[in-house]
C-alpha cells in the first residue's frame, strides 16, 4: 500500500509540475504567436492603405 500511495503522490506532483511549467509556458507562446500574426496583418493593412493612397 505504501508503493501505491507514493506512486499516487508522484503522479499528482508530476501533473502539478506539468500544469505550472508546460501549460503556462504554452499559453505565453500562443499569446506571442497571436501578437506576431496581428503585427503582420497590421503591416499588410498599412501597405494596402499606402498603395491605395498613391492612386489618384
Protein backbone atom coordinates (compact mmCIF):
# COMPACT_ATOMS: atom_id res chain seq x y z
CA UNK A 1 0.00 0.00 0.00
CA UNK A 2 2.91 2.32 0.62
CA UNK A 3 4.02 1.93 -3.01
CA UNK A 4 0.54 2.85 -4.26
CA UNK A 5 0.47 5.95 -2.05
CA UNK A 6 3.93 7.03 -3.20
CA UNK A 7 3.04 6.43 -6.85
CA UNK A 8 -0.17 8.43 -6.48
CA UNK A 9 1.72 11.28 -4.81
CA UNK A 10 4.38 11.20 -7.55
CA UNK A 11 1.72 11.35 -10.28
CA UNK A 12 -0.01 14.24 -8.55
CA UNK A 13 3.28 16.13 -8.26
CA UNK A 14 4.13 15.41 -11.90
CA UNK A 15 0.71 16.63 -13.06
CA UNK A 16 1.07 19.80 -10.99
CA UNK A 17 4.57 20.47 -12.38
CA UNK A 18 3.32 19.88 -15.94
CA UNK A 19 0.43 22.27 -15.38
CA UNK A 20 2.59 25.02 -13.89
CA UNK A 21 5.54 24.83 -16.27
CA UNK A 22 4.43 23.40 -19.60
CA UNK A 23 0.89 24.73 -19.93
CA UNK A 24 1.76 28.17 -18.55
CA UNK A 25 4.65 28.42 -20.99
CA UNK A 26 2.44 27.24 -23.83
CA UNK A 27 -0.04 29.99 -23.01
CA UNK A 28 2.70 32.59 -23.27
CA UNK A 29 3.86 31.10 -26.55
CA UNK A 30 0.36 31.17 -28.02
CA UNK A 31 -0.10 34.77 -26.88
CA UNK A 32 3.20 35.77 -28.51
CA UNK A 33 2.27 33.92 -31.70
CA UNK A 34 -1.09 35.70 -31.85
CA UNK A 35 0.57 39.09 -31.35
CA UNK A 36 3.04 38.26 -34.13
CA UNK A 37 0.21 37.39 -36.52
CA UNK A 38 -1.64 40.61 -35.60
CA UNK A 39 1.53 42.64 -36.25
CA UNK A 40 1.93 41.05 -39.69
CA UNK A 41 -1.71 41.77 -40.53
CA UNK A 42 -1.31 45.40 -39.43
CA UNK A 43 1.75 45.71 -41.67
CA UNK A 44 -0.17 44.42 -44.69
CA UNK A 45 -3.10 46.72 -43.93
CA UNK A 46 -0.71 49.69 -43.74
CA UNK A 47 0.88 48.70 -47.06
CA UNK A 48 -2.54 48.39 -48.71
CA UNK A 49 -3.57 51.80 -47.35
CA UNK A 50 -0.31 53.34 -48.57
CA UNK A 51 -0.69 51.84 -52.04
CA UNK A 52 -4.31 52.97 -52.33
CA UNK A 53 -3.33 56.47 -51.22
CA UNK A 54 -0.93 56.69 -54.18
CA UNK A 55 -3.77 56.06 -56.63
CA UNK A 56 -5.33 59.42 -57.54
